[in-house]
């Protein structure tokens, strides 16, 4: 059964690579559901936090996904 995103759920966000860093995974909270495909996020990083809007679910850079079960 596929999980359904909802406000307040913790997910992972894959930040895109840049000149200084390779792509990295950050803890993230869903702040708004836009539609079946996209959500808004608050991403927590080493230097603070930032917001991303209209982020689609997936395993690519600039996408969110559920944390792996351990």
N, C-alpha and C. Protein backbone atom coordinates (compact mmCIF):
# COMPACT_ATOMS: atom_id res chain seq x y z
N UNK A 1 0.84 -1.18 0.00
CA UNK A 1 0.00 0.00 0.00
C UNK A 1 0.89 1.25 0.00
N UNK A 2 0.67 2.13 -0.92
CA UNK A 2 1.46 3.35 -1.06
C UNK A 2 1.08 4.37 0.02
N UNK A 3 2.09 4.95 0.66
CA UNK A 3 1.85 6.01 1.64
C UNK A 3 1.34 7.25 0.92
N UNK A 4 0.52 8.01 1.61
CA UNK A 4 -0.01 9.24 1.04
C UNK A 4 0.59 10.43 1.78
N UNK A 5 1.13 11.43 1.06
CA UNK A 5 1.72 12.57 1.76
C UNK A 5 0.66 13.39 2.49
N UNK A 6 1.04 13.93 3.65
CA UNK A 6 0.16 14.81 4.41
C UNK A 6 1.02 15.84 5.14
N UNK A 7 0.42 16.96 5.49
CA UNK A 7 1.13 18.04 6.17
C UNK A 7 1.69 17.53 7.49
N UNK A 8 2.97 17.86 7.74
CA UNK A 8 3.64 17.46 8.97
C UNK A 8 4.44 16.18 8.88
N UNK A 9 4.29 15.43 7.79
CA UNK A 9 5.05 14.18 7.63
C UNK A 9 6.51 14.49 7.34
N UNK A 10 7.39 13.70 7.90
CA UNK A 10 8.83 13.85 7.65
C UNK A 10 9.20 12.98 6.46
N UNK A 11 9.91 13.59 5.50
CA UNK A 11 10.37 12.91 4.31
C UNK A 11 11.82 13.31 4.05
N UNK A 12 12.42 12.75 3.02
CA UNK A 12 13.78 13.11 2.61
C UNK A 12 13.72 13.94 1.34
N UNK A 13 14.59 14.95 1.26
CA UNK A 13 14.71 15.79 0.06
C UNK A 13 16.12 15.63 -0.48
N UNK A 14 16.26 15.34 -1.78
CA UNK A 14 17.58 15.18 -2.39
C UNK A 14 17.98 16.51 -3.02
N UNK A 15 18.84 17.24 -2.29
CA UNK A 15 19.30 18.55 -2.77
C UNK A 15 20.19 18.36 -3.98
N UNK A 16 20.06 19.25 -4.96
CA UNK A 16 20.87 19.11 -6.18
C UNK A 16 22.36 19.38 -5.91
N UNK A 17 23.19 18.77 -6.73
CA UNK A 17 24.63 19.00 -6.66
C UNK A 17 24.93 20.42 -7.14
N UNK A 18 26.06 20.98 -6.63
CA UNK A 18 26.52 22.27 -7.12
C UNK A 18 28.05 22.24 -7.18
N UNK A 19 28.68 23.40 -7.32
CA UNK A 19 30.14 23.44 -7.43
C UNK A 19 30.86 22.95 -6.17
N UNK A 20 30.19 23.07 -5.01
CA UNK A 20 30.83 22.69 -3.75
C UNK A 20 30.47 21.29 -3.27
N UNK A 21 29.25 20.83 -3.57
CA UNK A 21 28.74 19.59 -2.99
C UNK A 21 28.13 18.67 -4.04
N UNK A 22 28.24 17.38 -3.76
CA UNK A 22 27.47 16.40 -4.54
C UNK A 22 26.02 16.45 -4.04
N UNK A 23 25.10 15.81 -4.73
CA UNK A 23 23.71 15.75 -4.28
C UNK A 23 23.67 15.13 -2.88
N UNK A 24 22.84 15.71 -1.99
CA UNK A 24 22.77 15.24 -0.61
C UNK A 24 21.32 15.08 -0.19
N UNK A 25 21.09 14.22 0.80
CA UNK A 25 19.75 13.98 1.34
C UNK A 25 19.60 14.77 2.64
N UNK A 26 18.47 15.47 2.78
CA UNK A 26 18.17 16.25 3.99
C UNK A 26 16.83 15.85 4.56
N UNK A 27 16.72 15.93 5.90
CA UNK A 27 15.43 15.76 6.57
C UNK A 27 14.53 16.93 6.19
N UNK A 28 13.26 16.63 5.98
CA UNK A 28 12.34 17.62 5.43
C UNK A 28 10.94 17.38 6.00
N UNK A 29 10.17 18.45 6.15
CA UNK A 29 8.78 18.34 6.60
C UNK A 29 7.87 18.85 5.50
N UNK A 30 6.81 18.09 5.21
CA UNK A 30 5.81 18.54 4.23
C UNK A 30 5.00 19.66 4.88
N UNK A 31 4.94 20.82 4.23
CA UNK A 31 4.21 21.96 4.77
C UNK A 31 2.90 22.24 4.05
N UNK A 32 2.74 21.69 2.83
CA UNK A 32 1.51 21.91 2.06
C UNK A 32 1.42 20.87 0.95
N UNK A 33 0.22 20.38 0.71
CA UNK A 33 -0.02 19.47 -0.41
C UNK A 33 -0.56 20.31 -1.55
N UNK A 34 0.14 20.35 -2.68
CA UNK A 34 -0.34 21.13 -3.82
C UNK A 34 -1.35 20.33 -4.64
N UNK A 35 -1.00 19.08 -4.94
CA UNK A 35 -1.88 18.18 -5.69
C UNK A 35 -1.34 16.77 -5.55
N UNK A 36 -1.80 15.85 -6.37
CA UNK A 36 -1.35 14.46 -6.28
C UNK A 36 0.12 14.29 -6.64
N UNK A 37 0.70 15.26 -7.31
CA UNK A 37 2.07 15.14 -7.80
C UNK A 37 3.10 15.96 -7.04
N UNK A 38 2.68 17.05 -6.38
CA UNK A 38 3.66 17.98 -5.82
C UNK A 38 3.27 18.44 -4.41
N UNK A 39 4.32 18.71 -3.60
CA UNK A 39 4.14 19.22 -2.23
C UNK A 39 5.11 20.38 -2.00
N UNK A 40 4.84 21.16 -0.96
CA UNK A 40 5.78 22.19 -0.50
C UNK A 40 6.51 21.63 0.71
N UNK A 41 7.80 22.01 0.85
CA UNK A 41 8.65 21.42 1.88
C UNK A 41 9.41 22.48 2.67
N UNK A 42 9.74 22.16 3.92
CA UNK A 42 10.70 22.90 4.71
C UNK A 42 11.89 21.95 4.89
N UNK A 43 13.03 22.32 4.31
CA UNK A 43 14.22 21.47 4.29
C UNK A 43 15.19 21.93 5.37
N UNK A 44 15.64 20.99 6.21
CA UNK A 44 16.58 21.30 7.29
C UNK A 44 17.99 20.89 6.89
N UNK A 45 18.91 21.86 6.87
CA UNK A 45 20.29 21.60 6.48
C UNK A 45 21.27 22.04 7.55
N UNK A 46 22.57 21.95 7.25
CA UNK A 46 23.60 22.30 8.22
C UNK A 46 23.58 23.78 8.59
N UNK A 47 23.22 24.64 7.66
CA UNK A 47 23.28 26.08 7.89
C UNK A 47 21.92 26.69 8.24
N UNK A 48 20.93 25.86 8.46
CA UNK A 48 19.59 26.38 8.77
C UNK A 48 18.54 25.61 8.00
N UNK A 49 17.51 26.33 7.57
CA UNK A 49 16.45 25.67 6.83
C UNK A 49 16.04 26.53 5.64
N UNK A 50 15.36 25.90 4.69
CA UNK A 50 14.89 26.59 3.51
C UNK A 50 13.59 25.97 3.04
N UNK A 51 12.91 26.65 2.16
CA UNK A 51 11.61 26.19 1.67
C UNK A 51 11.69 25.88 0.18
N UNK A 52 10.99 24.86 -0.23
CA UNK A 52 10.89 24.48 -1.64
C UNK A 52 9.41 24.30 -1.95
N UNK A 53 8.98 24.80 -3.10
CA UNK A 53 7.57 24.69 -3.48
C UNK A 53 7.43 23.83 -4.73
N UNK A 54 6.34 23.10 -4.79
CA UNK A 54 6.03 22.31 -5.97
C UNK A 54 7.00 21.18 -6.24
N UNK A 55 7.47 20.52 -5.19
CA UNK A 55 8.47 19.46 -5.32
C UNK A 55 7.76 18.13 -5.60
N UNK A 56 8.20 17.45 -6.63
CA UNK A 56 7.61 16.16 -7.01
C UNK A 56 8.31 15.01 -6.30
N UNK A 57 7.58 13.93 -6.10
CA UNK A 57 8.13 12.73 -5.47
C UNK A 57 8.99 11.96 -6.46
N UNK A 58 10.13 11.45 -5.99
CA UNK A 58 11.00 10.65 -6.84
C UNK A 58 12.36 10.47 -6.20
N UNK A 59 13.27 9.86 -6.94
CA UNK A 59 14.61 9.58 -6.44
C UNK A 59 15.68 10.47 -7.07
N UNK A 60 15.27 11.40 -7.91
CA UNK A 60 16.21 12.29 -8.60
C UNK A 60 16.52 13.51 -7.74
N UNK A 61 17.49 14.31 -8.18
CA UNK A 61 17.81 15.55 -7.50
C UNK A 61 16.61 16.48 -7.51
N UNK A 62 16.46 17.27 -6.46
CA UNK A 62 15.36 18.23 -6.29
C UNK A 62 14.00 17.54 -6.17
N UNK A 63 13.98 16.31 -5.68
CA UNK A 63 12.74 15.58 -5.45
C UNK A 63 12.73 15.05 -4.01
N UNK A 64 11.55 14.70 -3.52
CA UNK A 64 11.41 14.15 -2.18
C UNK A 64 11.00 12.69 -2.28
N UNK A 65 11.23 11.96 -1.18
CA UNK A 65 10.79 10.57 -1.11
C UNK A 65 10.69 10.17 0.37
N UNK A 66 10.02 9.06 0.60
CA UNK A 66 9.88 8.54 1.97
C UNK A 66 11.22 8.00 2.44
N UNK A 67 11.54 8.14 3.74
CA UNK A 67 12.76 7.53 4.28
C UNK A 67 12.66 6.00 4.17
N UNK A 68 13.79 5.37 4.03
CA UNK A 68 13.82 3.90 3.96
C UNK A 68 13.43 3.34 5.32
N UNK A 69 12.70 2.24 5.31
CA UNK A 69 12.36 1.57 6.58
C UNK A 69 13.57 0.79 7.04
N UNK A 70 13.83 0.87 8.35
CA UNK A 70 14.98 0.14 8.90
C UNK A 70 14.54 -0.82 9.98
